C-alpha atoms as a PDB file:
ATOM      1  CA  LYS A   1    -182.793 142.559  96.748  1.00  0.00           C
ATOM      2  CA  GLN A   2    -179.555 144.165  95.533  1.00  0.00           C
ATOM      3  CA  TRP A   3    -177.728 140.828  95.625  1.00  0.00           C
ATOM      4  CA  TYR A   4    -180.431 139.257  93.484  1.00  0.00           C
ATOM      5  CA  GLN A   5    -180.434 142.114  90.978  1.00  0.00           C
ATOM      6  CA  ARG A   6    -176.666 141.784  90.576  1.00  0.00           C
ATOM      7  CA  ARG A   7    -177.025 138.011  90.008  1.00  0.00           C
ATOM      8  CA  VAL A   8    -179.890 138.236  87.525  1.00  0.00           C
ATOM      9  CA  ARG A   9    -179.106 140.488  84.602  1.00  0.00           C
ATOM     10  CA  GLY A  10    -180.687 140.545  81.196  1.00  0.00           C
ATOM     11  CA  ASN A  11    -183.620 138.546  79.977  1.00  0.00           C
ATOM     12  CA  SER A  12    -184.908 135.301  81.389  1.00  0.00           C
ATOM     13  CA  THR A  13    -185.344 132.171  79.330  1.00  0.00           C
ATOM     14  CA  LEU A  14    -187.909 129.460  79.895  1.00  0.00           C
ATOM     15  CA  ARG A  15    -186.548 125.979  79.350  1.00  0.00           C
ATOM     16  CA  ARG A  16    -188.634 122.861  78.767  1.00  0.00           C
ATOM     17  CA  PHE A  17    -187.056 119.432  79.148  1.00  0.00           C
ATOM     18  CA  ILE A  18    -188.728 116.629  77.212  1.00  0.00           C
ATOM     19  CA  LEU A  19    -187.721 113.171  78.386  1.00  0.00           C
ATOM     20  CA  ASN A  20    -188.760 109.863  76.842  1.00  0.00           C
ATOM     21  CA  VAL A  21    -188.338 107.318  79.623  1.00  0.00           C
ATOM     22  CA  ASN A  22    -188.788 104.400  77.199  1.00  0.00           C
ATOM     23  CA  THR A  23    -186.048 105.388  74.750  1.00  0.00           C
ATOM     24  CA  MET A  24    -183.976 107.513  77.166  1.00  0.00           C
ATOM     25  CA  GLN A  25    -183.970 110.248  74.507  1.00  0.00           C
ATOM     26  CA  HIS A  26    -184.287 113.853  75.556  1.00  0.00           C
ATOM     27  CA  LYS A  27    -184.836 117.244  74.026  1.00  0.00           C
ATOM     28  CA  ILE A  28    -184.415 120.749  75.437  1.00  0.00           C
ATOM     29  CA  GLU A  29    -186.524 123.636  74.177  1.00  0.00           C
ATOM     30  CA  ASP A  30    -185.675 127.234  75.056  1.00  0.00           C
ATOM     31  CA  PHE A  31    -188.212 130.041  74.967  1.00  0.00           C
ATOM     32  CA  PRO A  32    -186.466 133.444  75.100  1.00  0.00           C
ATOM     33  CA  GLN A  33    -188.199 136.144  77.097  1.00  0.00           C
ATOM     34  CA  SER A  34    -191.047 137.767  75.199  1.00  0.00           C
ATOM     35  CA  TRP A  35    -193.027 139.002  78.203  1.00  0.00           C
ATOM     36  CA  THR A  36    -192.981 142.375  79.919  1.00  0.00           C
ATOM     37  CA  PRO A  37    -191.767 144.000  82.030  1.00  0.00           C
ATOM     38  CA  VAL A  38    -188.302 142.917  80.982  1.00  0.00           C
ATOM     39  CA  ASP A  39    -186.901 142.906  84.520  1.00  0.00           C
ATOM     40  CA  THR A  40    -189.029 139.965  85.613  1.00  0.00           C
ATOM     41  CA  LEU A  41    -188.332 136.369  86.415  1.00  0.00           C
ATOM     42  CA  VAL A  42    -190.905 133.604  86.254  1.00  0.00           C
ATOM     43  CA  GLU A  43    -191.230 130.901  88.881  1.00  0.00           C
ATOM     44  CA  PHE A  44    -193.519 128.089  89.989  1.00  0.00           C
ATOM     45  CA  PRO A  45    -194.606 126.793  86.559  1.00  0.00           C
ATOM     46  CA  MET A  46    -198.007 125.121  86.420  1.00  0.00           C
ATOM     47  CA  ILE A  47    -199.873 123.447  83.566  1.00  0.00           C
ATOM     48  CA  ASN A  48    -203.198 121.678  83.273  1.00  0.00           C
ATOM     49  CA  PRO A  49    -202.492 118.366  85.082  1.00  0.00           C
ATOM     50  CA  ALA A  50    -204.357 116.466  82.330  1.00  0.00           C
ATOM     51  CA  TYR A  51    -201.400 117.399  80.089  1.00  0.00           C
ATOM     52  CA  TYR A  52    -198.629 115.993  82.280  1.00  0.00           C
ATOM     53  CA  GLY A  53    -196.485 113.834  79.988  1.00  0.00           C
ATOM     54  CA  LYS A  54    -198.220 115.163  76.853  1.00  0.00           C
ATOM     55  CA  SER A  55    -197.703 118.035  74.447  1.00  0.00           C
ATOM     56  CA  TYR A  56    -199.025 121.312  75.830  1.00  0.00           C
ATOM     57  CA  CYS A  57    -198.970 124.996  74.986  1.00  0.00           C
ATOM     58  CA  PHE A  58    -200.067 126.866  78.113  1.00  0.00           C
ATOM     59  CA  ALA A  59    -198.077 127.383  81.285  1.00  0.00           C
ATOM     60  CA  TYR A  60    -198.853 129.648  84.217  1.00  0.00           C
ATOM     61  CA  PHE A  61    -196.249 131.330  86.406  1.00  0.00           C
ATOM     62  CA  GLN A  62    -195.625 133.677  89.254  1.00  0.00           C
ATOM     63  CA  GLN A  63    -193.957 136.608  87.519  1.00  0.00           C
ATOM     64  CA  TRP A  64    -191.570 138.471  89.810  1.00  0.00           C
ATOM     65  CA  GLN A  65    -190.472 141.991  88.911  1.00  0.00           C
ATOM     66  CA  TYR A  66    -187.317 142.202  90.977  1.00  0.00           C
ATOM     67  CA  SER A  67    -186.797 145.966  90.537  1.00  0.00           C
ATOM     68  CA  THR A  68    -190.059 146.616  92.412  1.00  0.00           C
ATOM     69  CA  ASN A  69    -190.429 143.307  94.285  1.00  0.00           C
ATOM     70  CA  ASN A  70    -193.939 142.889  92.854  1.00  0.00           C
ATOM     71  CA  MET A  71    -195.337 139.488  91.899  1.00  0.00           C
ATOM     72  CA  PHE A  72    -197.907 138.989  89.143  1.00  0.00           C
ATOM     73  CA  LEU A  73    -199.660 136.096  87.447  1.00  0.00           C
ATOM     74  CA  MET A  74    -198.569 135.239  83.903  1.00  0.00           C
ATOM     75  CA  LYS A  75    -199.970 132.897  81.264  1.00  0.00           C
ATOM     76  CA  TYR A  76    -197.409 131.973  78.617  1.00  0.00           C
ATOM     77  CA  ASP A  77    -198.269 130.274  75.329  1.00  0.00           C
ATOM     78  CA  LEU A  78    -195.241 128.156  74.472  1.00  0.00           C
ATOM     79  CA  CYS A  79    -196.672 127.463  70.996  1.00  0.00           C
ATOM     80  CA  THR A  80    -196.905 131.142  69.982  1.00  0.00           C
ATOM     81  CA  GLY A  81    -194.528 132.888  72.409  1.00  0.00           C
ATOM     82  CA  LYS A  82    -197.277 135.262  73.571  1.00  0.00           C
ATOM     83  CA  ALA A  83    -197.823 136.147  77.210  1.00  0.00           C
ATOM     84  CA  ILE A  84    -200.529 137.870  79.208  1.00  0.00           C
ATOM     85  CA  SER A  85    -200.290 139.005  82.825  1.00  0.00           C
ATOM     86  CA  TRP A  86    -202.572 139.986  85.673  1.00  0.00           C
ATOM     87  CA  ARG A  87    -201.439 142.590  88.156  1.00  0.00           C
ATOM     88  CA  GLU A  88    -202.914 145.000  90.674  1.00  0.00           C
ATOM     89  CA  LYS A  89    -201.166 147.624  92.748  1.00  0.00           C
ATOM     90  CA  ASN A  90    -199.790 146.198  96.021  1.00  0.00           C
ATOM     91  CA  LYS A  91    -201.034 142.685  95.143  1.00  0.00           C
ATOM     92  CA  ASN A  92    -198.472 139.868  95.051  1.00  0.00           C
ATOM     93  CA  VAL A  93    -199.473 136.533  93.555  1.00  0.00           C
ATOM     94  CA  LEU A  94    -198.058 133.538  95.373  1.00  0.00           C
ATOM     95  CA  GLU A  95    -197.834 130.062  93.779  1.00  0.00           C
ATOM     96  CA  PRO A  96    -200.551 129.574  91.128  1.00  0.00           C
ATOM     97  CA  ILE A  97    -202.453 126.293  90.818  1.00  0.00           C
ATOM     98  CA  PHE A  98    -204.437 125.117  87.770  1.00  0.00           C
ATOM     99  CA  ALA A  99    -207.824 123.458  88.352  1.00  0.00           C
ATOM    100  CA  ALA A 100    -209.241 121.949  85.165  1.00  0.00           C
ATOM    101  CA  ASP A 101    -212.888 122.244  84.168  1.00  0.00           C
ATOM    102  CA  PRO A 102    -214.109 118.618  84.297  1.00  0.00           C
ATOM    103  CA  SER A 103    -216.225 119.195  81.171  1.00  0.00           C
ATOM    104  CA  GLY A 104    -213.581 121.307  79.434  1.00  0.00           C
ATOM    105  CA  LYS A 105    -212.670 120.753  75.802  1.00  0.00           C
ATOM    106  CA  SER A 106    -209.465 122.763  75.477  1.00  0.00           C
ATOM    107  CA  GLU A 107    -206.194 122.809  77.371  1.00  0.00           C
ATOM    108  CA  ASP A 108    -206.904 126.098  79.109  1.00  0.00           C
ATOM    109  CA  ASP A 109    -210.481 125.301  80.180  1.00  0.00           C
ATOM    110  CA  GLY A 110    -210.321 125.792  83.912  1.00  0.00           C
ATOM    111  CA  VAL A 111    -209.284 128.245  86.582  1.00  0.00           C
ATOM    112  CA  ILE A 112    -206.102 129.427  88.210  1.00  0.00           C
ATOM    113  CA  MET A 113    -206.131 129.826  92.000  1.00  0.00           C
ATOM    114  CA  ALA A 114    -203.541 131.547  94.138  1.00  0.00           C
ATOM    115  CA  GLN A 115    -203.134 133.310  97.419  1.00  0.00           C
ATOM    116  CA  VAL A 116    -202.578 137.024  96.844  1.00  0.00           C
ATOM    117  CA  TYR A 117    -200.709 139.017  99.450  1.00  0.00           C
ATOM    118  CA  ASP A 118    -201.555 142.727  99.756  1.00  0.00           C
ATOM    119  CA  SER A 119    -198.405 144.606 100.738  1.00  0.00           C
ATOM    120  CA  SER A 120    -200.376 147.745 101.691  1.00  0.00           C
ATOM    121  CA  ASP A 121    -202.073 146.111 104.701  1.00  0.00           C
ATOM    122  CA  ALA A 122    -200.460 142.635 105.038  1.00  0.00           C
ATOM    123  CA  SER A 123    -203.771 140.921 104.236  1.00  0.00           C
ATOM    124  CA  THR A 124    -204.198 137.867 102.049  1.00  0.00           C
ATOM    125  CA  GLU A 125    -207.011 136.740  99.807  1.00  0.00           C
ATOM    126  CA  LEU A 126    -207.628 133.802  97.507  1.00  0.00           C
ATOM    127  CA  LEU A 127    -208.196 134.816  93.905  1.00  0.00           C
ATOM    128  CA  VAL A 128    -209.658 132.676  91.152  1.00  0.00           C
ATOM    129  CA  TRP A 129    -208.945 133.605  87.524  1.00  0.00           C
ATOM    130  CA  ASP A 130    -210.309 132.277  84.245  1.00  0.00           C
ATOM    131  CA  ALA A 131    -207.369 130.312  82.819  1.00  0.00           C
ATOM    132  CA  LYS A 132    -208.102 131.519  79.280  1.00  0.00           C
ATOM    133  CA  ASP A 133    -207.724 135.282  79.778  1.00  0.00           C
ATOM    134  CA  LEU A 134    -206.828 135.802  83.485  1.00  0.00           C
ATOM    135  CA  THR A 135    -210.103 137.574  84.238  1.00  0.00           C
ATOM    136  CA  VAL A 136    -210.745 137.544  87.984  1.00  0.00           C
ATOM    137  CA  LEU A 137    -213.777 135.336  88.643  1.00  0.00           C
ATOM    138  CA  ALA A 138    -213.810 135.409  92.449  1.00  0.00           C
ATOM    139  CA  ARG A 139    -212.071 136.822  95.502  1.00  0.00           C
ATOM    140  CA  PHE A 140    -212.213 135.228  98.928  1.00  0.00           C
ATOM    141  CA  ASP A 141    -211.050 136.866 102.116  1.00  0.00           C
ATOM    142  CA  ASN A 142    -208.600 134.718 104.060  1.00  0.00           C
ATOM    143  CA  LEU A 143    -209.353 134.176 107.684  1.00  0.00           C
ATOM    144  CA  VAL A 144    -205.614 134.120 108.369  1.00  0.00           C
ATOM    145  CA  LYS A 145    -202.764 136.132 106.944  1.00  0.00           C
ATOM    146  CA  VAL A 146    -200.468 134.160 104.658  1.00  0.00           C
ATOM    147  CA  PRO A 147    -196.954 135.628 104.808  1.00  0.00           C
ATOM    148  CA  PHE A 148    -195.301 137.004 101.713  1.00  0.00           C
ATOM    149  CA  THR A 149    -193.618 134.282  99.573  1.00  0.00           C
ATOM    150  CA  ILE A 150    -194.866 131.408 101.724  1.00  0.00           C
ATOM    151  CA  HIS A 151    -194.896 128.071  99.904  1.00  0.00           C
ATOM    152  CA  GLY A 152    -198.040 126.012  99.817  1.00  0.00           C
ATOM    153  CA  TRP A 153    -200.090 123.461  97.912  1.00  0.00           C
ATOM    154  CA  TRP A 154    -203.752 122.691  97.369  1.00  0.00           C
ATOM    155  CA  PHE A 155    -205.223 119.273  98.137  1.00  0.00           C
ATOM    156  CA  ALA A 156    -208.604 117.804  97.333  1.00  0.00           C
ATOM    157  CA  ASP A 157    -210.734 117.390 100.427  1.00  0.00           C
END
């Protein structure tokens, strides 16, 4: 933890790379930190998969506050620079996944799913949030404990 805090000082910056594979042109867009708390990093970016290769505004991240070692869920609007976060005491959001609403009309119509590790009792649950406002829609008890910071992926059955 101390090594990481020494390495990461100041604000984070999100960086989006836009590549045109037909013309070989590229563009880099930087989004300076506008979220709180200030001593957080964001990892594991996720967008609505229907927007891969297209213009998009909304990205979802694991937000890691390295001074406390807590991990939250963050929605960042790259078009406005506004961010919202979900957090609960002792709850650590692992890698978020976006699942689009098949009948959705807007980019953020869908849900975010992630394993959430509870550091108070080492339990894990699956949470489902509304992708628009990060309201918790459902909680599911895991039958197994998923270790803190484990990497994983969701697959259609």
